[in-house]
């Protein structure tokens, strides 16, 4: 019944033009921030997906790494038996043994400290990096030729601007055993041809990829100190991690990508919802125009209120009518805003209307619509409209009732 009265009052032809103007302004003032909220949340979703996809190519789904205090786990031996044990776990698609250590790289007259990652032939099954190549290719072995793939920041530090005929010299302390008479006898070095330069990321920076056999000679060790594990699409990395921990035992740390980058992902989510709450404040301020619309409707319909009271209506019933007036105005504005926000987001998501300058990883501004965000925005808008309408009606209806009683 309250909704019927509210709809009748809102659509009544006897309403003055000034009320219609105020109601139209209220609709627009609600529609704009609602559309902005949908677009902003979609933008953050787009960047989050872009970062996650970017890291998926350079950071494994699950990583098994030797802890600093020990290197005792049997699983770190790079052999077929351990490979079969890892890949036989449900949800695992592939695995790659690797050796990671710091080394000194030299090219011409320049030197810099780099992180060397020696990888086997299955590495690019776990971490496909073909799209990251800036020059050359990402292959670390061409037939019998062992090659290096250098991150762009490391190449810049070394003054390496072309892969054509480039040769790197790498130095390490091997096993770390330095003789007292000949202190350099523990130093190992390797010459390696540069096969490609790849883009740098927060995960993959100041890094050089080598074949596993080259890294074994360079660092004087056979055992791997890290295993990169790929997870099948649809499988749970957390479940795979739990099974790997049972398999590996002590001496290693098994983590998913999210566990390794917990702080980074948490900050991204906080930024998204921080912007959301700022948008709520804008919506609340914009929704204050609904107060004017409701008050004007109460004043216009003051002559009809005694009739409602005579028919048995109480203050709560009359107040409920005008609260629903505010909700209707807000629902119209929110509906328009949702249609605009969803439409603009889908157009950008599928058509790429807003382009980015050349040199970026993607051509169009990344957005991703999530219907849960749309539902959250809609519910938030309704709650704000209800609160604002309640504030507008509570004082006005009481005042009118007292005047009628007098």
Protein backbone atom coordinates (compact mmCIF):
# COMPACT_ATOMS: atom_id res chain seq x y z
CA UNK A 1 0.00 0.00 0.00
CA UNK A 2 2.81 2.43 0.86
CA UNK A 3 4.47 1.73 -2.48
CA UNK A 4 1.21 2.47 -4.31
CA UNK A 5 0.83 5.84 -2.58
CA UNK A 6 4.53 6.64 -3.17
CA UNK A 7 4.29 5.83 -6.87
CA UNK A 8 1.08 7.82 -7.22
CA UNK A 9 2.61 10.89 -5.55
CA UNK A 10 5.74 10.67 -7.69
CA UNK A 11 3.83 10.37 -10.98
CA UNK A 12 1.05 12.74 -10.08
CA UNK A 13 0.39 15.32 -12.82
CA UNK A 14 -0.51 17.90 -10.22
CA UNK A 15 3.09 18.07 -9.02
CA UNK A 16 4.62 21.48 -9.52
CA UNK A 17 7.32 21.90 -12.13
CA UNK A 18 9.88 22.94 -9.49
CA UNK A 19 9.48 19.55 -7.79
CA UNK A 20 9.95 17.80 -11.11
CA UNK A 21 13.15 19.79 -11.69
CA UNK A 22 14.46 18.97 -8.22
CA UNK A 23 13.60 15.30 -8.70
CA UNK A 24 15.41 15.31 -12.06
CA UNK A 25 18.49 16.84 -10.42
CA UNK A 26 18.34 14.16 -7.73
CA UNK A 27 18.20 11.42 -10.37
CA UNK A 28 21.28 12.82 -12.12
CA UNK A 29 23.15 13.39 -8.84
CA UNK A 30 22.66 9.72 -7.94
CA UNK A 31 23.30 8.35 -11.45
CA UNK A 32 26.72 9.99 -11.91
CA UNK A 33 28.46 8.64 -8.75
CA UNK A 34 26.86 5.20 -9.21
CA UNK A 35 28.21 4.98 -12.77
CA UNK A 36 31.59 6.24 -11.56
CA UNK A 37 31.71 3.58 -8.82
CA UNK A 38 31.04 0.79 -11.32
CA UNK A 39 33.70 2.11 -13.71
CA UNK A 40 36.33 2.66 -10.99
CA UNK A 41 35.88 -0.82 -9.52
CA UNK A 42 36.10 -2.30 -13.02
CA UNK A 43 39.33 -0.40 -13.68
CA UNK A 44 40.90 -1.84 -10.54
CA UNK A 45 39.67 -5.29 -11.55
CA UNK A 46 41.29 -4.80 -14.96
CA UNK A 47 44.65 -3.79 -13.51
CA UNK A 48 44.53 -6.62 -10.96
CA UNK A 49 43.88 -9.18 -13.72
CA UNK A 50 46.63 -7.62 -15.85
CA UNK A 51 49.14 -7.90 -13.01
CA UNK A 52 48.07 -11.45 -12.14
CA UNK A 53 48.37 -12.55 -15.78
CA UNK A 54 51.71 -10.78 -16.08
CA UNK A 55 53.07 -12.52 -13.00
CA UNK A 56 51.70 -15.87 -14.18
CA UNK A 57 54.25 -15.80 -17.01
CA UNK A 58 57.27 -15.10 -14.78
CA UNK A 59 56.22 -16.44 -11.37
CA UNK A 60 55.19 -20.08 -10.99
CA UNK A 61 51.84 -21.15 -9.54
CA UNK A 62 53.71 -23.04 -6.81
CA UNK A 63 57.37 -22.82 -5.88
CA UNK A 64 59.51 -25.27 -3.90
CA UNK A 65 62.63 -23.55 -2.58
CA UNK A 66 65.44 -24.62 -0.29
CA UNK A 67 65.44 -22.73 3.00
CA UNK A 68 68.55 -20.87 4.04
CA UNK A 69 69.25 -23.22 6.95
CA UNK A 70 69.43 -26.41 4.96
CA UNK A 71 69.53 -28.21 1.62
CA UNK A 72 68.58 -31.71 2.63
CA UNK A 73 65.34 -32.55 0.87
CA UNK A 74 65.65 -35.47 -1.53
CA UNK A 75 63.14 -33.84 -3.89
CA UNK A 76 65.72 -31.26 -5.05
CA UNK A 77 67.73 -33.82 -7.01
CA UNK A 78 66.95 -33.06 -10.69
CA UNK A 79 66.14 -36.58 -11.88
CA UNK A 80 63.24 -38.36 -13.56
CA UNK A 81 62.15 -40.06 -10.34
CA UNK A 82 61.58 -36.78 -8.49
CA UNK A 83 60.00 -35.21 -11.57
CA UNK A 84 57.55 -38.12 -11.80
CA UNK A 85 56.77 -37.85 -8.07
CA UNK A 86 55.90 -34.16 -8.41
CA UNK A 87 53.91 -34.35 -11.65
CA UNK A 88 51.92 -37.35 -10.41
CA UNK A 89 50.26 -35.14 -7.78
CA UNK A 90 46.69 -34.31 -8.74
CA UNK A 91 46.44 -30.83 -10.24
CA UNK A 92 50.12 -30.51 -11.28
CA UNK A 93 50.66 -29.90 -14.99
CA UNK A 94 54.46 -29.67 -15.13
CA UNK A 95 57.56 -28.98 -13.05
CA UNK A 96 61.01 -27.57 -13.69
CA UNK A 97 64.21 -27.90 -11.64
CA UNK A 98 66.41 -24.81 -11.42
CA UNK A 99 69.46 -23.37 -9.70
CA UNK A 100 69.31 -19.76 -8.53
CA UNK A 101 72.30 -17.82 -7.21
CA UNK A 102 73.82 -14.38 -7.44
CA UNK A 103 76.73 -13.95 -9.85
CA UNK A 104 78.84 -11.20 -11.36
CA UNK A 105 78.10 -10.52 -15.04
CA UNK A 106 80.62 -8.82 -17.29
CA UNK A 107 80.11 -7.40 -20.77
CA UNK A 108 82.86 -5.32 -22.29
CA UNK A 109 84.04 -2.93 -19.60
CA UNK A 110 80.84 -3.07 -17.55
CA UNK A 111 79.97 -5.34 -14.65
CA UNK A 112 76.93 -5.80 -12.44
CA UNK A 113 75.59 -8.30 -9.93
CA UNK A 114 72.74 -10.39 -11.35
CA UNK A 115 70.54 -13.23 -10.26
CA UNK A 116 71.34 -16.24 -12.41
CA UNK A 117 68.59 -18.82 -12.90
CA UNK A 118 69.73 -22.06 -14.49
CA UNK A 119 66.69 -23.88 -15.90
CA UNK A 120 65.96 -27.21 -17.54
CA UNK A 121 64.07 -27.84 -20.77
CA UNK A 122 60.66 -27.89 -19.02
CA UNK A 123 60.99 -24.37 -17.60
CA UNK A 124 59.04 -22.69 -20.40
CA UNK A 125 56.22 -25.22 -20.00
CA UNK A 126 55.73 -23.84 -16.48
CA UNK A 127 56.51 -20.20 -17.26
CA UNK A 128 55.87 -19.29 -20.92
CA UNK A 129 57.74 -16.07 -21.67
CA UNK A 130 57.52 -15.84 -25.47
CA UNK A 131 55.56 -12.57 -25.32
CA UNK A 132 58.23 -10.97 -23.13
CA UNK A 133 61.01 -11.09 -25.72
CA UNK A 134 62.32 -7.64 -26.67
CA UNK A 135 65.16 -8.94 -28.84
CA UNK A 136 66.03 -12.44 -29.93
CA UNK A 137 64.16 -15.37 -28.38
CA UNK A 138 63.64 -16.85 -24.94
CA UNK A 139 65.33 -20.16 -25.79
CA UNK A 140 68.29 -20.91 -23.52
CA UNK A 141 69.56 -23.71 -25.73
CA UNK A 142 69.81 -23.83 -29.51
CA UNK A 143 70.89 -27.37 -30.37
CA UNK A 144 74.16 -27.81 -28.52
CA UNK A 145 74.69 -24.07 -28.11
CA UNK A 146 74.07 -22.78 -24.57
CA UNK A 147 72.62 -19.28 -24.52
CA UNK A 148 71.69 -16.59 -21.97
CA UNK A 149 68.37 -14.73 -21.81
CA UNK A 150 68.86 -11.37 -20.08
CA UNK A 151 66.24 -9.14 -18.43
CA UNK A 152 66.14 -5.65 -19.91
CA UNK A 153 67.26 -3.88 -16.71
CA UNK A 154 70.31 -6.16 -16.45
CA UNK A 155 71.07 -5.59 -20.15
CA UNK A 156 70.86 -1.84 -19.60
CA UNK A 157 73.22 -2.00 -16.62
CA UNK A 158 75.71 -3.94 -18.73
CA UNK A 159 75.36 -1.70 -21.77
CA UNK A 160 73.99 -4.63 -23.76
CA UNK A 161 71.79 -3.15 -26.47
CA UNK A 162 71.88 -5.91 -29.08
CA UNK A 163 72.03 -9.68 -28.98
CA UNK A 164 74.01 -9.90 -32.23
CA UNK A 165 77.40 -11.45 -31.42
CA UNK A 166 77.09 -10.58 -27.72
CA UNK A 167 79.06 -12.70 -25.25
CA UNK A 168 78.70 -12.51 -21.48
CA UNK A 169 81.20 -13.63 -18.89
CA UNK A 170 79.75 -14.80 -15.58
CA UNK A 171 81.65 -15.27 -12.32
CA UNK A 172 80.66 -17.06 -9.13
CA UNK A 173 82.27 -18.43 -5.98
CA UNK A 174 81.16 -21.93 -6.88
CA UNK A 175 80.65 -23.94 -3.71
CA UNK A 176 81.92 -21.08 -1.60
CA UNK A 177 85.15 -22.84 -0.57
CA UNK A 178 88.01 -20.36 -0.89
CA UNK A 179 91.55 -21.57 -0.35
CA UNK A 180 93.88 -19.71 2.01
CA UNK A 181 96.87 -19.87 -0.35
CA UNK A 182 95.04 -19.30 -3.61
CA UNK A 183 91.88 -17.41 -2.64
CA UNK A 184 90.56 -17.39 -6.22
CA UNK A 185 90.60 -21.15 -6.72
CA UNK A 186 86.91 -21.35 -5.74
CA UNK A 187 85.89 -18.82 -8.39
CA UNK A 188 84.14 -20.31 -11.42
CA UNK A 189 83.48 -18.51 -14.68
CA UNK A 190 81.52 -19.22 -17.84
CA UNK A 191 81.35 -17.56 -21.24
CA UNK A 192 77.88 -17.68 -22.75
CA UNK A 193 76.27 -16.29 -25.88
CA UNK A 194 73.31 -13.91 -25.45
CA UNK A 195 70.22 -15.32 -27.14
CA UNK A 196 67.57 -12.82 -26.10
CA UNK A 197 66.57 -9.82 -24.02
CA UNK A 198 63.20 -9.86 -22.23
CA UNK A 199 61.08 -7.30 -20.41
CA UNK A 200 61.68 -6.76 -16.71
CA UNK A 201 58.97 -7.02 -14.07
CA UNK A 202 58.85 -6.71 -10.29
CA UNK A 203 59.37 -10.47 -10.11
CA UNK A 204 61.73 -10.90 -13.03
CA UNK A 205 64.39 -8.21 -12.74
CA UNK A 206 68.20 -8.09 -12.84
CA UNK A 207 68.01 -11.74 -13.90
CA UNK A 208 69.79 -13.93 -16.44
CA UNK A 209 68.40 -17.29 -17.58
CA UNK A 210 70.89 -20.04 -18.40
CA UNK A 211 70.63 -23.75 -19.19
CA UNK A 212 70.69 -25.87 -16.04
CA UNK A 213 73.95 -27.55 -17.09
CA UNK A 214 75.67 -24.16 -17.44
CA UNK A 215 74.51 -23.10 -13.98
CA UNK A 216 75.70 -26.41 -12.51
CA UNK A 217 79.21 -25.76 -13.81
CA UNK A 218 79.12 -22.10 -12.85
CA UNK A 219 78.08 -22.69 -9.25
CA UNK A 220 79.78 -26.06 -8.79
CA UNK A 221 76.64 -27.92 -7.67
CA UNK A 222 74.37 -30.58 -9.09
CA UNK A 223 71.33 -30.22 -6.85
CA UNK A 224 68.63 -27.72 -7.67
CA UNK A 225 67.67 -25.19 -5.02
CA UNK A 226 64.26 -24.32 -6.49
CA UNK A 227 61.53 -26.21 -8.32
CA UNK A 228 58.88 -24.34 -10.30
CA UNK A 229 55.53 -26.14 -10.43
CA UNK A 230 52.69 -25.42 -12.85
CA UNK A 231 49.08 -26.06 -11.81
CA UNK A 232 46.39 -27.25 -14.22
CA UNK A 233 43.63 -24.81 -15.12
CA UNK A 234 40.80 -25.15 -12.62
CA UNK A 235 42.93 -26.92 -10.01
CA UNK A 236 43.56 -25.34 -6.61
CA UNK A 237 47.17 -24.17 -6.01
CA UNK A 238 46.50 -24.37 -2.27
CA UNK A 239 45.52 -28.05 -2.50
CA UNK A 240 48.57 -28.79 -4.66
CA UNK A 241 50.78 -26.99 -2.14
CA UNK A 242 49.44 -29.10 0.73
CA UNK A 243 50.27 -32.33 -1.13
CA UNK A 244 53.72 -31.07 -2.10
CA UNK A 245 54.52 -30.26 1.52
CA UNK A 246 53.77 -33.85 2.46
CA UNK A 247 56.02 -35.07 -0.36
CA UNK A 248 59.00 -32.78 0.19
CA UNK A 249 59.35 -32.95 3.96
CA UNK A 250 61.74 -30.62 5.78
CA UNK A 251 64.47 -28.43 4.33
CA UNK A 252 62.31 -26.67 1.73
CA UNK A 253 59.58 -24.03 1.64
CA UNK A 254 56.53 -24.64 -0.54
CA UNK A 255 54.45 -21.55 -1.40
CA UNK A 256 51.81 -20.51 -3.87
CA UNK A 257 52.20 -17.32 -5.89
CA UNK A 258 49.69 -15.55 -3.64
CA UNK A 259 51.56 -16.60 -0.50
CA UNK A 260 54.84 -15.29 -1.92
CA UNK A 261 53.31 -11.92 -2.83
CA UNK A 262 50.80 -11.54 0.00
CA UNK A 263 51.73 -7.93 0.78
CA UNK A 264 51.49 -6.82 -2.85
CA UNK A 265 48.09 -8.42 -3.48
CA UNK A 266 46.75 -7.13 -0.14
CA UNK A 267 47.78 -3.57 -1.01
CA UNK A 268 46.04 -3.85 -4.39
CA UNK A 269 42.80 -4.96 -2.74
CA UNK A 270 43.03 -2.22 -0.10
CA UNK A 271 43.48 0.37 -2.85
CA UNK A 272 40.39 -0.89 -4.65
CA UNK A 273 38.13 -0.79 -1.62
CA UNK A 274 39.69 2.47 -0.41
CA UNK A 275 38.54 4.10 -3.65
CA UNK A 276 35.15 2.41 -3.18
CA UNK A 277 34.63 4.02 0.25
CA UNK A 278 35.72 7.40 -1.07
CA UNK A 279 33.10 6.97 -3.80
CA UNK A 280 30.51 6.20 -1.13
CA UNK A 281 31.22 9.59 0.47
CA UNK A 282 30.66 11.25 -2.91
CA UNK A 283 27.41 9.28 -3.28
CA UNK A 284 26.23 10.35 0.18
CA UNK A 285 26.90 14.02 -0.59
CA UNK A 286 25.17 13.74 -3.96
CA UNK A 287 22.20 11.95 -2.39
CA UNK A 288 21.51 14.90 -0.08
CA UNK A 289 19.55 16.38 -2.99
CA UNK A 290 16.98 13.64 -2.33
CA UNK A 291 16.21 15.39 0.98
CA UNK A 292 15.04 18.46 -0.94
CA UNK A 293 12.88 16.32 -3.24
CA UNK A 294 11.23 14.50 -0.32
CA UNK A 295 10.64 17.68 1.67
CA UNK A 296 9.06 19.40 -1.32
CA UNK A 297 6.76 16.40 -1.87
CA UNK A 298 5.76 16.42 1.82
CA UNK A 299 4.94 20.12 1.62
CA UNK A 300 2.98 19.67 -1.61
CA UNK A 301 0.94 16.75 -0.24
CA UNK A 302 0.28 18.35 3.18
CA UNK A 303 -3.42 18.81 2.34
CA UNK A 304 -3.83 15.06 1.78
CA UNK A 305 -2.25 14.02 5.08
CA UNK A 306 -5.30 14.80 7.30
CA UNK A 307 -7.38 12.53 5.06
CA UNK A 308 -4.84 9.74 5.54
CA UNK A 309 -4.96 10.20 9.31
CA UNK A 310 -8.79 10.20 9.22
CA UNK A 311 -8.65 6.86 7.36
CA UNK A 312 -6.59 5.36 10.18
CA UNK A 313 -3.06 5.96 8.95
CA UNK A 314 -0.46 6.75 11.59
CA UNK A 315 2.81 8.67 11.44
CA UNK A 316 4.81 5.54 10.55
CA UNK A 317 2.55 4.84 7.57
CA UNK A 318 2.78 8.40 6.24
CA UNK A 319 6.50 8.51 6.89
CA UNK A 320 6.89 5.21 5.06
CA UNK A 321 5.20 6.66 1.98
CA UNK A 322 7.72 9.48 1.67
CA UNK A 323 10.66 7.24 2.52
CA UNK A 324 9.62 5.16 -0.47
CA UNK A 325 9.40 8.37 -2.51
CA UNK A 326 13.09 8.88 -1.83
CA UNK A 327 13.85 5.26 -2.63
CA UNK A 328 12.01 5.51 -5.95
CA UNK A 329 13.93 8.63 -6.96
CA UNK A 330 17.18 6.99 -5.92
CA UNK A 331 16.29 3.73 -7.68
CA UNK A 332 15.66 5.59 -10.94
CA UNK A 333 18.95 7.44 -10.64
CA UNK A 334 20.80 4.32 -9.56
CA UNK A 335 19.30 2.31 -12.40
CA UNK A 336 20.39 4.93 -14.94
CA UNK A 337 23.85 5.02 -13.34
CA UNK A 338 24.21 1.24 -13.40
CA UNK A 339 23.19 1.07 -17.06
CA UNK A 340 25.70 3.80 -17.93
CA UNK A 341 28.50 2.29 -15.84
CA UNK A 342 27.99 -1.25 -17.09
CA UNK A 343 27.59 -0.07 -20.69
CA UNK A 344 30.75 2.04 -20.67
CA UNK A 345 32.73 -0.73 -18.94
CA UNK A 346 31.60 -3.45 -21.36
CA UNK A 347 32.33 -1.19 -24.34
CA UNK A 348 35.86 -0.58 -23.09
CA UNK A 349 36.35 -4.23 -22.13
CA UNK A 350 35.33 -5.62 -25.52
CA UNK A 351 36.00 -2.77 -27.94
CA UNK A 352 38.97 -1.02 -26.30
CA UNK A 353 37.70 2.51 -26.91
CA UNK A 354 40.33 4.21 -24.70
CA UNK A 355 43.77 3.36 -26.05
CA UNK A 356 47.14 3.51 -24.32
CA UNK A 357 50.28 4.98 -25.91
CA UNK A 358 52.64 2.64 -27.73
CA UNK A 359 55.10 0.80 -25.52
CA UNK A 360 52.63 -0.40 -22.88
CA UNK A 361 51.98 -4.09 -22.29
CA UNK A 362 48.37 -3.72 -23.48
CA UNK A 363 46.88 -1.59 -26.24
CA UNK A 364 43.67 -0.56 -24.45
CA UNK A 365 43.00 0.62 -20.90
CA UNK A 366 42.35 -2.56 -18.89
CA UNK A 367 38.90 -2.95 -17.31
CA UNK A 368 36.99 -6.01 -16.13
CA UNK A 369 33.34 -5.99 -15.09
CA UNK A 370 32.44 -8.18 -12.13
CA UNK A 371 28.75 -8.54 -11.40
CA UNK A 372 29.41 -8.86 -7.67
CA UNK A 373 30.74 -5.29 -7.74
CA UNK A 374 27.59 -4.14 -9.54
CA UNK A 375 25.45 -5.79 -6.86
CA UNK A 376 27.52 -4.19 -4.07
CA UNK A 377 27.14 -0.75 -5.67
CA UNK A 378 23.37 -1.24 -6.04
CA UNK A 379 22.90 -2.32 -2.42
CA UNK A 380 25.08 0.56 -1.20
CA UNK A 381 23.01 3.04 -3.21
CA UNK A 382 19.75 1.69 -1.75
CA UNK A 383 21.08 1.86 1.83
CA UNK A 384 22.27 5.46 1.35
CA UNK A 385 18.92 6.46 -0.22
CA UNK A 386 16.95 4.84 2.61
CA UNK A 387 19.02 6.63 5.26
CA UNK A 388 18.75 10.02 3.54
CA UNK A 389 14.98 9.63 2.97
CA UNK A 390 14.44 8.60 6.58
CA UNK A 391 16.28 11.68 7.81
CA UNK A 392 14.16 13.91 5.56
CA UNK A 393 10.81 12.43 6.62
CA UNK A 394 11.33 11.90 10.36
CA UNK A 395 11.35 15.57 11.33
CA UNK A 396 8.88 16.82 8.70
CA UNK A 397 6.14 14.26 9.41
CA UNK A 398 6.34 14.79 13.16
CA UNK A 399 6.01 18.53 12.68
CA UNK A 400 2.97 18.18 10.45
CA UNK A 401 1.32 15.73 12.84
CA UNK A 402 1.75 18.11 15.77
CA UNK A 403 0.24 20.96 13.70
CA UNK A 404 -2.72 18.76 12.79
CA UNK A 405 -3.23 17.79 16.44
CA UNK A 406 -3.11 21.47 17.42
